[in-house]
Amino acid sequence: MQDVILLLTACGVFGLLVVIQLVVRAPRPVQRAAGGVITGLFALAAVNLTGFFTGVSLPLSPLTIGVSGAAGIPGVTMMLLLNLILK
């Protein structure tokens, strides 16, 4: 049951991102929303892969994956700054 709720939440967030792209009249709203999600997840992966060398990493949890997927690179940057400030 939790998997269904998680999937519906992810679809709802993606739908909201598409609606935002429609409001700002992007030429290809679905591709732009998917591109933002993909770049955010790749940024999170890059931070965690380079964490061995830099000493900076973010834990993988539904919250960090959701923020990086919904907010993209600015979301990952915000989580890194919060991690730096609150440590």
PDB file of N, CA and C in Angstrom:
ATOM      1  N   MET A   1       0.815  -1.195   0.000  1.00  0.00           N
ATOM      2  CA  MET A   1       0.000   0.000   0.000  1.00  0.00           C
ATOM      3  C   MET A   1       0.860   1.260   0.000  1.00  0.00           C
ATOM      4  N   GLN A   2       1.986   1.217   0.736  1.00  0.00           N
ATOM      5  CA  GLN A   2       2.850   2.390   0.769  1.00  0.00           C
ATOM      6  C   GLN A   2       3.470   2.655  -0.592  1.00  0.00           C
ATOM      7  N   ASP A   3       3.741   1.592  -1.355  1.00  0.00           N
ATOM      8  CA  ASP A   3       4.319   1.785  -2.684  1.00  0.00           C
ATOM      9  C   ASP A   3       3.342   2.500  -3.609  1.00  0.00           C
ATOM     10  N   VAL A   4       2.072   2.187  -3.491  1.00  0.00           N
ATOM     11  CA  VAL A   4       1.056   2.842  -4.317  1.00  0.00           C
ATOM     12  C   VAL A   4       0.961   4.318  -3.951  1.00  0.00           C
ATOM     13  N   ILE A   5       0.974   4.616  -2.670  1.00  0.00           N
ATOM     14  CA  ILE A   5       0.909   6.006  -2.222  1.00  0.00           C
ATOM     15  C   ILE A   5       2.140   6.777  -2.688  1.00  0.00           C
ATOM     16  N   LEU A   6       3.307   6.153  -2.593  1.00  0.00           N
ATOM     17  CA  LEU A   6       4.540   6.795  -3.044  1.00  0.00           C
ATOM     18  C   LEU A   6       4.504   7.062  -4.544  1.00  0.00           C
ATOM     19  N   LEU A   7       4.019   6.104  -5.319  1.00  0.00           N
ATOM     20  CA  LEU A   7       3.927   6.271  -6.767  1.00  0.00           C
ATOM     21  C   LEU A   7       2.932   7.371  -7.133  1.00  0.00           C
ATOM     22  N   LEU A   8       1.791   7.403  -6.461  1.00  0.00           N
ATOM     23  CA  LEU A   8       0.805   8.446  -6.728  1.00  0.00           C
ATOM     24  C   LEU A   8       1.335   9.829  -6.347  1.00  0.00           C
ATOM     25  N   THR A   9       2.075   9.914  -5.264  1.00  0.00           N
ATOM     26  CA  THR A   9       2.672  11.186  -4.864  1.00  0.00           C
ATOM     27  C   THR A   9       3.690  11.657  -5.890  1.00  0.00           C
ATOM     28  N   ALA A  10       4.534  10.739  -6.358  1.00  0.00           N
ATOM     29  CA  ALA A  10       5.534  11.098  -7.370  1.00  0.00           C
ATOM     30  C   ALA A  10       4.856  11.554  -8.659  1.00  0.00           C
ATOM     31  N   CYS A  11       3.802  10.867  -9.071  1.00  0.00           N
ATOM     32  CA  CYS A  11       3.075  11.277 -10.279  1.00  0.00           C
ATOM     33  C   CYS A  11       2.410  12.635 -10.084  1.00  0.00           C
ATOM     34  N   GLY A  12       1.892  12.875  -8.892  1.00  0.00           N
ATOM     35  CA  GLY A  12       1.272  14.164  -8.608  1.00  0.00           C
ATOM     36  C   GLY A  12       2.267  15.310  -8.638  1.00  0.00           C
ATOM     37  N   VAL A  13       3.450  15.093  -8.085  1.00  0.00           N
ATOM     38  CA  VAL A  13       4.485  16.131  -8.107  1.00  0.00           C
ATOM     39  C   VAL A  13       4.937  16.388  -9.535  1.00  0.00           C
ATOM     40  N   PHE A  14       5.109  15.312 -10.314  1.00  0.00           N
ATOM     41  CA  PHE A  14       5.505  15.491 -11.715  1.00  0.00           C
ATOM     42  C   PHE A  14       4.415  16.227 -12.485  1.00  0.00           C
ATOM     43  N   GLY A  15       3.157  15.894 -12.221  1.00  0.00           N
ATOM     44  CA  GLY A  15       2.055  16.604 -12.871  1.00  0.00           C
ATOM     45  C   GLY A  15       2.047  18.077 -12.508  1.00  0.00           C
ATOM     46  N   LEU A  16       2.350  18.382 -11.252  1.00  0.00           N
ATOM     47  CA  LEU A  16       2.426  19.780 -10.830  1.00  0.00           C
ATOM     48  C   LEU A  16       3.562  20.509 -11.545  1.00  0.00           C
ATOM     49  N   LEU A  17       4.693  19.828 -11.724  1.00  0.00           N
ATOM     50  CA  LEU A  17       5.803  20.447 -12.456  1.00  0.00           C
ATOM     51  C   LEU A  17       5.425  20.711 -13.914  1.00  0.00           C
ATOM     52  N   VAL A  18       4.674  19.804 -14.513  1.00  0.00           N
ATOM     53  CA  VAL A  18       4.211  20.013 -15.890  1.00  0.00           C
ATOM     54  C   VAL A  18       3.249  21.198 -15.953  1.00  0.00           C
ATOM     55  N   VAL A  19       2.348  21.303 -14.978  1.00  0.00           N
ATOM     56  CA  VAL A  19       1.410  22.435 -14.937  1.00  0.00           C
ATOM     57  C   VAL A  19       2.171  23.744 -14.788  1.00  0.00           C
ATOM     58  N   ILE A  20       3.202  23.767 -13.973  1.00  0.00           N
ATOM     59  CA  ILE A  20       4.012  24.987 -13.829  1.00  0.00           C
ATOM     60  C   ILE A  20       4.655  25.352 -15.155  1.00  0.00           C
ATOM     61  N   GLN A  21       5.143  24.354 -15.882  1.00  0.00           N
ATOM     62  CA  GLN A  21       5.739  24.628 -17.196  1.00  0.00           C
ATOM     63  C   GLN A  21       4.684  25.122 -18.185  1.00  0.00           C
ATOM     64  N   LEU A  22       3.464  24.631 -18.070  1.00  0.00           N
ATOM     65  CA  LEU A  22       2.382  25.124 -18.931  1.00  0.00           C
ATOM     66  C   LEU A  22       2.037  26.572 -18.610  1.00  0.00           C
ATOM     67  N   VAL A  23       2.058  26.923 -17.322  1.00  0.00           N
ATOM     68  CA  VAL A  23       1.729  28.291 -16.913  1.00  0.00           C
ATOM     69  C   VAL A  23       2.758  29.280 -17.447  1.00  0.00           C
ATOM     70  N   VAL A  24       4.028  28.893 -17.428  1.00  0.00           N
ATOM     71  CA  VAL A  24       5.060  29.794 -17.940  1.00  0.00           C
ATOM     72  C   VAL A  24       5.233  29.672 -19.445  1.00  0.00           C
ATOM     73  N   ARG A  25       4.369  28.889 -20.071  1.00  0.00           N
ATOM     74  CA  ARG A  25       4.317  28.715 -21.527  1.00  0.00           C
ATOM     75  C   ARG A  25       5.629  28.213 -22.116  1.00  0.00           C
ATOM     76  N   ALA A  26       6.141  27.157 -21.529  1.00  0.00           N
ATOM     77  CA  ALA A  26       7.350  26.523 -22.054  1.00  0.00           C
ATOM     78  C   ALA A  26       6.995  25.808 -23.355  1.00  0.00           C
ATOM     79  N   PRO A  27       7.933  25.752 -24.304  1.00  0.00           N
ATOM     80  CA  PRO A  27       7.634  25.116 -25.588  1.00  0.00           C
ATOM     81  C   PRO A  27       7.285  23.631 -25.466  1.00  0.00           C
ATOM     82  N   ARG A  28       7.989  22.883 -24.649  1.00  0.00           N
ATOM     83  CA  ARG A  28       7.712  21.459 -24.446  1.00  0.00           C
ATOM     84  C   ARG A  28       7.654  21.202 -22.942  1.00  0.00           C
ATOM     85  N   PRO A  29       6.470  21.351 -22.342  1.00  0.00           N
ATOM     86  CA  PRO A  29       6.388  21.317 -20.870  1.00  0.00           C
ATOM     87  C   PRO A  29       6.753  19.971 -20.249  1.00  0.00           C
ATOM     88  N   VAL A  30       6.362  18.863 -20.878  1.00  0.00           N
ATOM     89  CA  VAL A  30       6.657  17.560 -20.283  1.00  0.00           C
ATOM     90  C   VAL A  30       8.153  17.284 -20.334  1.00  0.00           C
ATOM     91  N   GLN A  31       8.789  17.612 -21.440  1.00  0.00           N
ATOM     92  CA  GLN A  31      10.233  17.399 -21.556  1.00  0.00           C
ATOM     93  C   GLN A  31      11.003  18.298 -20.601  1.00  0.00           C
ATOM     94  N   ARG A  32      10.544  19.522 -20.426  1.00  0.00           N
ATOM     95  CA  ARG A  32      11.238  20.430 -19.500  1.00  0.00           C
ATOM     96  C   ARG A  32      11.089  19.975 -18.059  1.00  0.00           C
ATOM     97  N   ALA A  33       9.900  19.493 -17.697  1.00  0.00           N
ATOM     98  CA  ALA A  33       9.698  18.996 -16.333  1.00  0.00           C
ATOM     99  C   ALA A  33      10.536  17.737 -16.101  1.00  0.00           C
ATOM    100  N   ALA A  34      10.551  16.832 -17.067  1.00  0.00           N
ATOM    101  CA  ALA A  34      11.355  15.608 -16.933  1.00  0.00           C
ATOM    102  C   ALA A  34      12.840  15.947 -16.880  1.00  0.00           C
ATOM    103  N   GLY A  35      13.259  16.936 -17.649  1.00  0.00           N
ATOM    104  CA  GLY A  35      14.662  17.358 -17.621  1.00  0.00           C
ATOM    105  C   GLY A  35      15.064  17.907 -16.270  1.00  0.00           C
ATOM    106  N   GLY A  36      14.179  18.661 -15.627  1.00  0.00           N
ATOM    107  CA  GLY A  36      14.465  19.187 -14.298  1.00  0.00           C
ATOM    108  C   GLY A  36      14.584  18.091 -13.258  1.00  0.00           C
ATOM    109  N   VAL A  37      13.717  17.100 -13.356  1.00  0.00           N
ATOM    110  CA  VAL A  37      13.763  15.979 -12.411  1.00  0.00           C
ATOM    111  C   VAL A  37      15.053  15.184 -12.606  1.00  0.00           C
ATOM    112  N   ILE A  38      15.393  14.912 -13.858  1.00  0.00           N
ATOM    113  CA  ILE A  38      16.590  14.116 -14.152  1.00  0.00           C
ATOM    114  C   ILE A  38      17.859  14.840 -13.723  1.00  0.00           C
ATOM    115  N   THR A  39      17.953  16.146 -13.993  1.00  0.00           N
ATOM    116  CA  THR A  39      19.158  16.870 -13.587  1.00  0.00           C
ATOM    117  C   THR A  39      19.280  16.937 -12.065  1.00  0.00           C
ATOM    118  N   GLY A  40      18.163  17.070 -11.373  1.00  0.00           N
ATOM    119  CA  GLY A  40      18.208  17.078  -9.913  1.00  0.00           C
ATOM    120  C   GLY A  40      18.677  15.751  -9.339  1.00  0.00           C
ATOM    121  N   LEU A  41      18.192  14.648  -9.900  1.00  0.00           N
ATOM    122  CA  LEU A  41      18.616  13.335  -9.418  1.00  0.00           C
ATOM    123  C   LEU A  41      20.074  13.058  -9.768  1.00  0.00           C
ATOM    124  N   PHE A  42      20.510  13.510 -10.938  1.00  0.00           N
ATOM    125  CA  PHE A  42      21.923  13.353 -11.286  1.00  0.00           C
ATOM    126  C   PHE A  42      22.819  14.210 -10.395  1.00  0.00           C
ATOM    127  N   ALA A  43      22.347  15.401 -10.024  1.00  0.00           N
ATOM    128  CA  ALA A  43      23.128  16.244  -9.117  1.00  0.00           C
ATOM    129  C   ALA A  43      23.267  15.584  -7.751  1.00  0.00           C
ATOM    130  N   LEU A  44      22.186  14.979  -7.266  1.00  0.00           N
ATOM    131  CA  LEU A  44      22.253  14.264  -5.990  1.00  0.00           C
ATOM    132  C   LEU A  44      23.212  13.081  -6.085  1.00  0.00           C
ATOM    133  N   ALA A  45      23.158  12.361  -7.193  1.00  0.00           N
ATOM    134  CA  ALA A  45      24.075  11.233  -7.388  1.00  0.00           C
ATOM    135  C   ALA A  45      25.520  11.706  -7.467  1.00  0.00           C
ATOM    136  N   ALA A  46      25.759  12.833  -8.142  1.00  0.00           N
ATOM    137  CA  ALA A  46      27.122  13.360  -8.257  1.00  0.00           C
ATOM    138  C   ALA A  46      27.672  13.784  -6.899  1.00  0.00           C
ATOM    139  N   VAL A  47      26.823  14.394  -6.086  1.00  0.00           N
ATOM    140  CA  VAL A  47      27.260  14.790  -4.743  1.00  0.00           C
ATOM    141  C   VAL A  47      27.641  13.561  -3.931  1.00  0.00           C
ATOM    142  N   ASN A  48      26.835  12.526  -4.008  1.00  0.00           N
ATOM    143  CA  ASN A  48      27.112  11.329  -3.217  1.00  0.00           C
ATOM    144  C   ASN A  48      28.296  10.537  -3.770  1.00  0.00           C
ATOM    145  N   LEU A  49      28.489  10.527  -5.086  1.00  0.00           N
ATOM    146  CA  LEU A  49      29.628   9.810  -5.657  1.00  0.00           C
ATOM    147  C   LEU A  49      30.954  10.504  -5.369  1.00  0.00           C
ATOM    148  N   THR A  50      30.944  11.824  -5.328  1.00  0.00           N
ATOM    149  CA  THR A  50      32.169  12.560  -5.031  1.00  0.00           C
ATOM    150  C   THR A  50      32.358  12.784  -3.532  1.00  0.00           C
ATOM    151  N   GLY A  51      31.421  12.320  -2.733  1.00  0.00           N
ATOM    152  CA  GLY A  51      31.512  12.490  -1.283  1.00  0.00           C
ATOM    153  C   GLY A  51      32.720  11.819  -0.670  1.00  0.00           C
ATOM    154  N   PHE A  52      33.222  10.757  -1.297  1.00  0.00           N
ATOM    155  CA  PHE A  52      34.415  10.086  -0.800  1.00  0.00           C
ATOM    156  C   PHE A  52      35.627  11.005  -0.876  1.00  0.00           C
ATOM    157  N   PHE A  53      35.696  11.822  -1.934  1.00  0.00           N
ATOM    158  CA  PHE A  53      36.834  12.718  -2.118  1.00  0.00           C
ATOM    159  C   PHE A  53      36.661  14.034  -1.378  1.00  0.00           C
ATOM    160  N   THR A  54      35.439  14.544  -1.347  1.00  0.00           N
ATOM    161  CA  THR A  54      35.205  15.866  -0.763  1.00  0.00           C
ATOM    162  C   THR A  54      34.808  15.823   0.705  1.00  0.00           C
ATOM    163  N   GLY A  55      34.299  14.692   1.163  1.00  0.00           N
ATOM    164  CA  GLY A  55      33.828  14.591   2.529  1.00  0.00           C
ATOM    165  C   GLY A  55      32.428  15.143   2.721  1.00  0.00           C
ATOM    166  N   VAL A  56      31.771  15.535   1.638  1.00  0.00           N
ATOM    167  CA  VAL A  56      30.420  16.084   1.697  1.00  0.00           C
ATOM    168  C   VAL A  56      29.488  15.110   0.990  1.00  0.00           C
ATOM    169  N   SER A  57      28.454  14.676   1.696  1.00  0.00           N
ATOM    170  CA  SER A  57      27.470  13.801   1.067  1.00  0.00           C
ATOM    171  C   SER A  57      26.117  14.047   1.702  1.00  0.00           C
ATOM    172  N   LEU A  58      25.081  13.630   1.003  1.00  0.00           N
ATOM    173  CA  LEU A  58      23.717  13.732   1.504  1.00  0.00           C
ATOM    174  C   LEU A  58      23.155  12.328   1.651  1.00  0.00           C
ATOM    175  N   PRO A  59      22.471  12.047   2.724  1.00  0.00           N
ATOM    176  CA  PRO A  59      21.902  10.704   2.880  1.00  0.00           C
ATOM    177  C   PRO A  59      20.770  10.484   1.873  1.00  0.00           C
ATOM    178  N   LEU A  60      20.671   9.271   1.385  1.00  0.00           N
ATOM    179  CA  LEU A  60      19.579   8.948   0.474  1.00  0.00           C
ATOM    180  C   LEU A  60      18.355   8.556   1.286  1.00  0.00           C
ATOM    181  N   SER A  61      17.327   9.365   1.184  1.00  0.00           N
ATOM    182  CA  SER A  61      16.065   9.108   1.860  1.00  0.00           C
ATOM    183  C   SER A  61      14.953   9.605   0.930  1.00  0.00           C
ATOM    184  N   PRO A  62      13.724   9.252   1.214  1.00  0.00           N
ATOM    185  CA  PRO A  62      12.640   9.768   0.370  1.00  0.00           C
ATOM    186  C   PRO A  62      12.591  11.296   0.340  1.00  0.00           C
ATOM    187  N   LEU A  63      12.972  11.938   1.437  1.00  0.00           N
ATOM    188  CA  LEU A  63      12.963  13.399   1.471  1.00  0.00           C
ATOM    189  C   LEU A  63      14.012  13.988   0.529  1.00  0.00           C
ATOM    190  N   THR A  64      15.250  13.511   0.603  1.00  0.00           N
ATOM    191  CA  THR A  64      16.300  14.073  -0.252  1.00  0.00           C
ATOM    192  C   THR A  64      16.047  13.753  -1.721  1.00  0.00           C
ATOM    193  N   ILE A  65      15.548  12.564  -2.006  1.00  0.00           N
ATOM    194  CA  ILE A  65      15.244  12.212  -3.397  1.00  0.00           C
ATOM    195  C   ILE A  65      14.083  13.064  -3.907  1.00  0.00           C
ATOM    196  N   GLY A  66      13.093  13.291  -3.075  1.00  0.00           N
ATOM    197  CA  GLY A  66      11.959  14.114  -3.480  1.00  0.00           C
ATOM    198  C   GLY A  66      12.331  15.568  -3.713  1.00  0.00           C
ATOM    199  N   VAL A  67      13.139  16.113  -2.815  1.00  0.00           N
ATOM    200  CA  VAL A  67      13.552  17.513  -2.970  1.00  0.00           C
ATOM    201  C   VAL A  67      14.425  17.678  -4.206  1.00  0.00           C
ATOM    202  N   SER A  68      15.354  16.752  -4.424  1.00  0.00           N
ATOM    203  CA  SER A  68      16.218  16.874  -5.593  1.00  0.00           C
ATOM    204  C   SER A  68      15.441  16.662  -6.879  1.00  0.00           C
ATOM    205  N   GLY A  69      14.415  15.807  -6.854  1.00  0.00           N
ATOM    206  CA  GLY A  69      13.603  15.603  -8.049  1.00  0.00           C
ATOM    207  C   GLY A  69      12.682  16.778  -8.333  1.00  0.00           C
ATOM    208  N   ALA A  70      12.090  17.340  -7.299  1.00  0.00           N
ATOM    209  CA  ALA A  70      11.141  18.432  -7.494  1.00  0.00           C
ATOM    210  C   ALA A  70      11.821  19.775  -7.706  1.00  0.00           C
ATOM    211  N   ALA A  71      12.910  20.038  -6.993  1.00  0.00           N
ATOM    212  CA  ALA A  71      13.547  21.355  -7.067  1.00  0.00           C
ATOM    213  C   ALA A  71      14.784  21.372  -7.960  1.00  0.00           C
ATOM    214  N   GLY A  72      15.288  20.212  -8.341  1.00  0.00           N
ATOM    215  CA  GLY A  72      16.429  20.159  -9.249  1.00  0.00           C
ATOM    216  C   GLY A  72      17.730  20.545  -8.571  1.00  0.00           C
ATOM    217  N   ILE A  73      18.602  21.159  -9.345  1.00  0.00           N
ATOM    218  CA  ILE A  73      19.919  21.544  -8.841  1.00  0.00           C
ATOM    219  C   ILE A  73      19.822  22.565  -7.703  1.00  0.00           C
ATOM    220  N   PRO A  74      18.928  23.558  -7.765  1.00  0.00           N
ATOM    221  CA  PRO A  74      18.807  24.454  -6.608  1.00  0.00           C
ATOM    222  C   PRO A  74      18.394  23.728  -5.329  1.00  0.00           C
ATOM    223  N   GLY A  75      17.587  22.684  -5.442  1.00  0.00           N
ATOM    224  CA  GLY A  75      17.198  21.912  -4.276  1.00  0.00           C
ATOM    225  C   GLY A  75      18.370  21.168  -3.661  1.00  0.00           C
ATOM    226  N   VAL A  76      19.217  20.594  -4.506  1.00  0.00           N
ATOM    227  CA  VAL A  76      20.408  19.898  -4.003  1.00  0.00           C
ATOM    228  C   VAL A  76      21.355  20.896  -3.354  1.00  0.00           C
ATOM    229  N   THR A  77      21.516  22.058  -3.963  1.00  0.00           N
ATOM    230  CA  THR A  77      22.370  23.097  -3.391  1.00  0.00           C
ATOM    231  C   THR A  77      21.831  23.554  -2.041  1.00  0.00           C
ATOM    232  N   MET A  78      20.520  23.713  -1.934  1.00  0.00           N
ATOM    233  CA  MET A  78      19.917  24.117  -0.667  1.00  0.00           C
ATOM    234  C   MET A  78      20.156  23.061   0.411  1.00  0.00           C
ATOM    235  N   MET A  79      20.006  21.785   0.040  1.00  0.00           N
ATOM    236  CA  MET A  79      20.237  20.730   1.037  1.00  0.00           C
ATOM    237  C   MET A  79      21.704  20.694   1.463  1.00  0.00           C
ATOM    238  N   LEU A  80      22.625  20.953   0.545  1.00  0.00           N
ATOM    239  CA  LEU A  80      24.032  21.003   0.908  1.00  0.00           C
ATOM    240  C   LEU A  80      24.318  22.157   1.859  1.00  0.00           C
ATOM    241  N   LEU A  81      23.733  23.317   1.578  1.00  0.00           N
ATOM    242  CA  LEU A  81      23.923  24.470   2.467  1.00  0.00           C
ATOM    243  C   LEU A  81      23.317  24.212   3.839  1.00  0.00           C
ATOM    244  N   LEU A  82      22.131  23.615   3.888  1.00  0.00           N
ATOM    245  CA  LEU A  82      21.526  23.293   5.175  1.00  0.00           C
ATOM    246  C   LEU A  82      22.345  22.265   5.931  1.00  0.00           C
ATOM    247  N   ASN A  83      22.927  21.307   5.207  1.00  0.00           N
ATOM    248  CA  ASN A  83      23.782  20.313   5.822  1.00  0.00           C
ATOM    249  C   ASN A  83      25.032  20.979   6.423  1.00  0.00           C
ATOM    250  N   LEU A  84      25.565  21.977   5.728  1.00  0.00           N
ATOM    251  CA  LEU A  84      26.735  22.699   6.210  1.00  0.00           C
ATOM    252  C   LEU A  84      26.394  23.549   7.428  1.00  0.00           C
ATOM    253  N   ILE A  85      25.251  24.220   7.400  1.00  0.00           N
ATOM    254  CA  ILE A  85      24.868  25.118   8.478  1.00  0.00           C
ATOM    255  C   ILE A  85      24.476  24.341   9.733  1.00  0.00           C
ATOM    256  N   LEU A  86      23.737  23.260   9.582  1.00  0.00           N
ATOM    257  CA  LEU A  86      23.183  22.547  10.733  1.00  0.00           C
ATOM    258  C   LEU A  86      24.116  21.492  11.301  1.00  0.00           C
ATOM    259  N   LYS A  87      25.249  21.269  10.721  1.00  0.00           N
ATOM    260  CA  LYS A  87      26.186  20.272  11.258  1.00  0.00           C
ATOM    261  C   LYS A  87      27.005  20.823  12.367  1.00  0.00           C
TER     262      LYS A  87
END
